[in-house]
Amino acid sequence: MYELSEKSKVVIGLWQNTPSPTRDSFTWYISGGLLRILRFRRILKALG
């Protein structure tokens, strides 16, 4: 997953939010250009 994100020049990480009962205290964030993210998601769907 991380190797794939590095190839696609997309950054994946965990972003800490204020803990709330309705939501996890950690939320995934993906940063990089929109086109890179869309291409990365297509690759993930193809693998999944």
C-alpha atoms as a PDB file:
ATOM      1  CA  MET A   1       0.000   0.000   0.000  1.00  0.00           C
ATOM      2  CA  TYR A   2       2.677   2.502   0.995  1.00  0.00           C
ATOM      3  CA  GLU A   3       4.971   1.456  -1.862  1.00  0.00           C
ATOM      4  CA  LEU A   4       2.090   1.963  -4.271  1.00  0.00           C
ATOM      5  CA  SER A   5       1.356   5.395  -2.821  1.00  0.00           C
ATOM      6  CA  GLU A   6       5.004   6.399  -3.211  1.00  0.00           C
ATOM      7  CA  LYS A   7       4.959   5.352  -6.870  1.00  0.00           C
ATOM      8  CA  SER A   8       1.806   7.413  -7.403  1.00  0.00           C
ATOM      9  CA  LYS A   9       3.322  10.367  -5.504  1.00  0.00           C
ATOM     10  CA  VAL A  10       0.387  10.317  -3.074  1.00  0.00           C
ATOM     11  CA  VAL A  11       0.788  10.730   0.674  1.00  0.00           C
ATOM     12  CA  ILE A  12      -1.315   8.524   2.945  1.00  0.00           C
ATOM     13  CA  GLY A  13      -1.373   9.036   6.677  1.00  0.00           C
ATOM     14  CA  LEU A  14      -3.428   9.297   9.811  1.00  0.00           C
ATOM     15  CA  TRP A  15      -4.732  12.659  10.943  1.00  0.00           C
ATOM     16  CA  GLN A  16      -5.644  12.961  14.615  1.00  0.00           C
ATOM     17  CA  ASN A  17      -8.977  14.620  15.328  1.00  0.00           C
ATOM     18  CA  THR A  18     -10.579  15.479  18.625  1.00  0.00           C
ATOM     19  CA  PRO A  19     -12.049  12.196  19.879  1.00  0.00           C
ATOM     20  CA  SER A  20     -15.815  11.983  19.567  1.00  0.00           C
ATOM     21  CA  PRO A  21     -18.217   9.111  20.273  1.00  0.00           C
ATOM     22  CA  THR A  22     -19.489   9.047  16.691  1.00  0.00           C
ATOM     23  CA  ARG A  23     -16.119   9.036  14.986  1.00  0.00           C
ATOM     24  CA  ASP A  24     -12.739   7.391  15.334  1.00  0.00           C
ATOM     25  CA  SER A  25     -10.077   9.626  16.838  1.00  0.00           C
ATOM     26  CA  PHE A  26      -7.959   8.980  13.752  1.00  0.00           C
ATOM     27  CA  THR A  27      -9.051   9.767  10.227  1.00  0.00           C
ATOM     28  CA  TRP A  28      -7.221   8.754   7.084  1.00  0.00           C
ATOM     29  CA  TYR A  29      -6.047  11.587   4.910  1.00  0.00           C
ATOM     30  CA  ILE A  30      -4.691  11.388   1.404  1.00  0.00           C
ATOM     31  CA  SER A  31      -2.761  14.309  -0.016  1.00  0.00           C
ATOM     32  CA  GLY A  32      -1.225  14.906  -3.388  1.00  0.00           C
ATOM     33  CA  GLY A  33      -2.752  16.385  -6.527  1.00  0.00           C
ATOM     34  CA  LEU A  34      -6.364  15.534  -7.305  1.00  0.00           C
ATOM     35  CA  LEU A  35      -5.367  13.757 -10.519  1.00  0.00           C
ATOM     36  CA  ARG A  36      -2.773  11.706  -8.656  1.00  0.00           C
ATOM     37  CA  ILE A  37      -5.344  10.722  -6.037  1.00  0.00           C
ATOM     38  CA  LEU A  38      -7.877   9.700  -8.680  1.00  0.00           C
ATOM     39  CA  ARG A  39      -5.254   7.633 -10.491  1.00  0.00           C
ATOM     40  CA  PHE A  40      -4.216   6.045  -7.175  1.00  0.00           C
ATOM     41  CA  ARG A  41      -7.839   5.140  -6.395  1.00  0.00           C
ATOM     42  CA  ARG A  42      -8.200   3.522  -9.829  1.00  0.00           C
ATOM     43  CA  ILE A  43      -5.108   1.405  -9.126  1.00  0.00           C
ATOM     44  CA  LEU A  44      -6.510   0.376  -5.737  1.00  0.00           C
ATOM     45  CA  LYS A  45      -9.854  -0.618  -7.283  1.00  0.00           C
ATOM     46  CA  ALA A  46      -8.044  -2.654  -9.930  1.00  0.00           C
ATOM     47  CA  LEU A  47      -6.119  -4.486  -7.201  1.00  0.00           C
ATOM     48  CA  GLY A  48      -9.125  -4.915  -4.922  1.00  0.00           C
END
